[in-house]
Amino acid sequence: MSLTQQQLLDYLDSDDNQYGLDSIATHGFLTATVVGNSSLDWLSAMFEGQQASVPAEVKEALQVWQNELNSQLKNEQPIELPFAGSLTNDAESDTEEETIDFSPESDVSAWAVGFVDAMFATEEDSWFNDEDTEDDVAMLTLPMMVLSGIDEDDETLQELRGDEELLVQMVNQIEGNLTELFLLFHTDD
């Protein structure tokens, strides 16, 4: 029996999902496996080596989801993020301002944590091992690194996290950065 997308999301957000990420972080994780330079055994990494205890229909639905994300990018469609996309913190804006939660419990942070977890799931498969692209990769993944809250001891990242206007700009850059990362890793130019 195949799971619907909603059934998969419900499973990921339930207590039955003992080893995996929640649905928002899973989206970030799967996105990273699609855009990045990875031969990662992503199911093992995502479920902390416990993928054998995950129901087959869940693993199948995750594979379908990953394939859908990949197809979107191959068809030159941006990946729709599971949190508010075009955000503003401009008090002078004519539109109603949307409050953005950048706390560690927020959807933005959860998504970024999932993305970064996939990026660094293995040392052998680094996103940064090509000298020609490592600076581009660093710049394009900076929003995810900052928003994830990892490396709490890094003073530079902490300073960036303290600038809410900059965080809004970073959130707004993610969609385009994902497309650029995909092209960087999956085209010959």
Protein backbone atom coordinates (compact mmCIF):
# COMPACT_ATOMS: atom_id res chain seq x y z
CA MET A 1 0.00 0.00 0.00
CA SER A 2 1.37 3.39 -1.00
CA LEU A 3 1.14 6.36 1.32
CA THR A 4 -0.28 9.68 0.24
CA GLN A 5 1.85 12.76 0.82
CA GLN A 6 -0.33 13.70 3.80
CA GLN A 7 -0.01 10.22 5.32
CA LEU A 8 3.77 10.47 4.98
CA LEU A 9 3.82 13.91 6.64
CA ASP A 10 1.60 12.58 9.43
CA TYR A 11 3.99 9.65 10.00
CA LEU A 12 7.05 11.92 10.05
CA ASP A 13 5.41 14.16 12.65
CA SER A 14 4.19 11.26 14.80
CA ASP A 15 5.72 9.38 17.72
CA ASP A 16 6.03 6.35 15.39
CA ASN A 17 8.93 8.16 13.70
CA GLN A 18 11.47 7.33 16.39
CA TYR A 19 14.69 7.92 14.43
CA GLY A 20 13.83 10.30 11.61
CA LEU A 21 13.36 14.01 11.19
CA ASP A 22 10.00 15.78 11.33
CA SER A 23 8.25 16.63 8.06
CA ILE A 24 9.74 20.12 7.70
CA ALA A 25 13.31 18.98 8.42
CA THR A 26 12.78 16.00 6.10
CA HIS A 27 11.93 18.40 3.29
CA GLY A 28 15.21 20.22 3.92
CA PHE A 29 17.11 16.93 4.09
CA LEU A 30 15.62 15.59 0.85
CA THR A 31 16.19 18.92 -0.86
CA ALA A 32 19.89 18.75 0.01
CA THR A 33 20.14 15.20 -1.35
CA VAL A 34 18.67 16.45 -4.63
CA VAL A 35 20.58 19.71 -5.12
CA GLY A 36 23.94 18.57 -3.77
CA ASN A 37 26.86 16.51 -4.90
CA SER A 38 26.01 13.40 -2.98
CA SER A 39 26.22 9.65 -3.21
CA LEU A 40 25.00 9.55 0.36
CA ASP A 41 23.01 6.56 1.62
CA TRP A 42 20.38 9.09 2.60
CA LEU A 43 17.88 6.69 4.15
CA SER A 44 20.52 5.43 6.55
CA ALA A 45 21.64 8.96 7.37
CA MET A 46 18.10 10.24 7.76
CA PHE A 47 17.08 7.46 10.15
CA GLU A 48 20.38 7.27 12.06
CA GLY A 49 21.19 3.82 10.65
CA GLN A 50 17.81 2.48 11.78
CA GLN A 51 16.12 2.46 8.36
CA ALA A 52 15.35 -1.27 8.73
CA SER A 53 12.83 -0.35 11.43
CA VAL A 54 11.05 2.15 9.16
CA PRO A 55 7.97 0.79 7.35
CA ALA A 56 8.58 0.01 3.67
CA GLU A 57 5.72 2.25 2.56
CA VAL A 58 7.31 5.20 4.38
CA LYS A 59 10.66 4.63 2.65
CA GLU A 60 8.85 4.28 -0.68
CA ALA A 61 6.92 7.52 -0.11
CA LEU A 62 10.16 9.31 0.81
CA GLN A 63 11.76 8.11 -2.44
CA VAL A 64 8.74 9.39 -4.38
CA TRP A 65 9.02 12.74 -2.61
CA GLN A 66 12.73 12.97 -3.36
CA ASN A 67 12.04 12.14 -7.03
CA GLU A 68 9.38 14.86 -7.16
CA LEU A 69 11.83 17.44 -5.82
CA ASN A 70 14.41 16.32 -8.37
CA SER A 71 11.87 16.51 -11.21
CA GLN A 72 10.89 20.04 -10.21
CA LEU A 73 14.47 21.23 -10.54
CA LYS A 74 15.10 19.31 -13.75
CA ASN A 75 11.98 20.94 -15.20
CA GLU A 76 13.37 24.34 -14.17
CA GLN A 77 10.72 24.83 -11.50
CA PRO A 78 11.82 26.10 -8.09
CA ILE A 79 11.34 23.91 -5.06
CA GLU A 80 8.46 25.21 -3.00
CA LEU A 81 9.61 25.63 0.58
CA PRO A 82 7.40 24.45 3.46
CA PHE A 83 7.46 27.86 5.12
CA ALA A 84 6.55 31.37 4.01
CA GLY A 85 8.66 32.21 0.97
CA SER A 86 8.74 35.92 0.16
CA LEU A 87 9.00 37.63 3.49
CA THR A 88 9.56 41.19 4.54
CA ASN A 89 10.55 42.93 7.71
CA ASP A 90 10.12 46.40 6.20
CA ALA A 91 7.92 48.51 8.47
CA GLU A 92 7.36 50.98 5.62
CA SER A 93 5.99 48.29 3.30
CA ASP A 94 2.44 48.77 1.97
CA THR A 95 1.68 45.11 2.55
CA GLU A 96 0.84 43.62 5.89
CA GLU A 97 4.07 42.56 7.57
CA GLU A 98 4.47 38.87 8.25
CA THR A 99 6.13 37.99 11.52
CA ILE A 100 9.00 35.60 11.04
CA ASP A 101 10.02 33.18 13.73
CA PHE A 102 13.76 32.51 13.64
CA SER A 103 13.82 30.58 16.92
CA PRO A 104 15.38 27.11 16.98
CA GLU A 105 11.85 25.64 17.08
CA SER A 106 10.67 27.47 13.92
CA ASP A 107 9.90 25.83 10.59
CA VAL A 108 12.67 27.86 8.94
CA SER A 109 15.22 26.54 11.42
CA ALA A 110 13.89 22.96 11.19
CA TRP A 111 14.13 23.02 7.40
CA ALA A 112 17.68 24.41 7.54
CA VAL A 113 18.72 21.79 10.11
CA GLY A 114 17.48 19.04 7.81
CA PHE A 115 19.35 20.55 4.87
CA VAL A 116 22.60 20.91 6.82
CA ASP A 117 22.24 17.39 8.28
CA ALA A 118 22.25 15.98 4.75
CA MET A 119 25.16 18.23 3.71
CA PHE A 120 27.38 16.93 6.49
CA ALA A 121 26.05 13.40 6.82
CA THR A 122 29.36 11.96 5.68
CA GLU A 123 32.88 13.30 5.59
CA GLU A 124 33.82 11.43 2.40
CA ASP A 125 31.13 13.12 0.34
CA SER A 126 31.85 16.74 1.06
CA TRP A 127 30.08 19.46 -0.88
CA PHE A 128 33.29 21.44 -0.68
CA ASN A 129 35.88 19.11 -2.21
CA ASP A 130 36.05 20.87 -5.60
CA GLU A 131 38.36 23.87 -5.43
CA ASP A 132 36.60 25.47 -8.42
CA THR A 133 33.19 25.52 -6.72
CA GLU A 134 33.85 25.52 -2.97
CA ASP A 135 33.49 29.31 -2.59
CA ASP A 136 30.22 29.30 -4.56
CA VAL A 137 28.90 26.41 -2.48
CA ALA A 138 29.86 28.21 0.73
CA MET A 139 28.01 31.38 -0.32
CA LEU A 140 24.94 29.53 -1.60
CA THR A 141 24.65 27.40 1.55
CA LEU A 142 25.38 30.24 4.00
CA PRO A 143 21.67 30.97 4.60
CA MET A 144 21.06 27.34 5.56
CA MET A 145 24.10 27.30 7.83
CA VAL A 146 23.07 30.50 9.60
CA LEU A 147 19.37 29.64 9.89
CA SER A 148 20.07 26.11 11.16
CA GLY A 149 21.73 27.44 14.30
CA ILE A 150 24.60 24.97 14.06
CA ASP A 151 28.03 25.96 15.20
CA GLU A 152 26.75 28.04 18.10
CA ASP A 153 30.32 28.83 19.12
CA ASP A 154 31.13 30.61 15.86
CA GLU A 155 31.02 34.34 16.68
CA THR A 156 30.54 35.35 13.05
CA LEU A 157 27.50 33.11 12.63
CA GLN A 158 26.11 34.34 15.96
CA GLU A 159 26.50 37.93 14.79
CA LEU A 160 24.66 37.11 11.55
CA ARG A 161 21.86 35.42 13.51
CA GLY A 162 21.42 38.61 15.51
CA ASP A 163 20.56 40.67 12.41
CA GLU A 164 16.89 39.95 11.73
CA GLU A 165 16.82 41.98 8.53
CA LEU A 166 19.70 39.90 7.20
CA LEU A 167 17.91 36.70 8.22
CA VAL A 168 14.86 37.77 6.21
CA GLN A 169 17.10 38.39 3.20
CA MET A 170 18.64 34.95 3.65
CA VAL A 171 15.24 33.26 3.77
CA ASN A 172 14.29 35.04 0.57
CA GLN A 173 17.50 33.81 -1.10
CA ILE A 174 17.01 30.12 -0.36
CA GLU A 175 14.77 29.25 -3.31
CA GLY A 176 17.15 30.78 -5.85
CA ASN A 177 20.19 29.35 -4.09
CA LEU A 178 18.73 25.85 -4.34
CA THR A 179 18.37 26.21 -8.09
CA GLU A 180 21.92 27.56 -8.38
CA LEU A 181 23.29 24.69 -6.28
CA PHE A 182 21.44 22.16 -8.43
CA LEU A 183 22.89 23.70 -11.59
CA LEU A 184 26.37 23.90 -10.04
CA PHE A 185 26.42 20.21 -9.15
CA HIS A 186 24.38 18.78 -12.03
CA THR A 187 25.51 20.61 -15.17
CA ASP A 188 28.80 20.62 -17.01
CA ASP A 189 29.18 24.42 -17.21
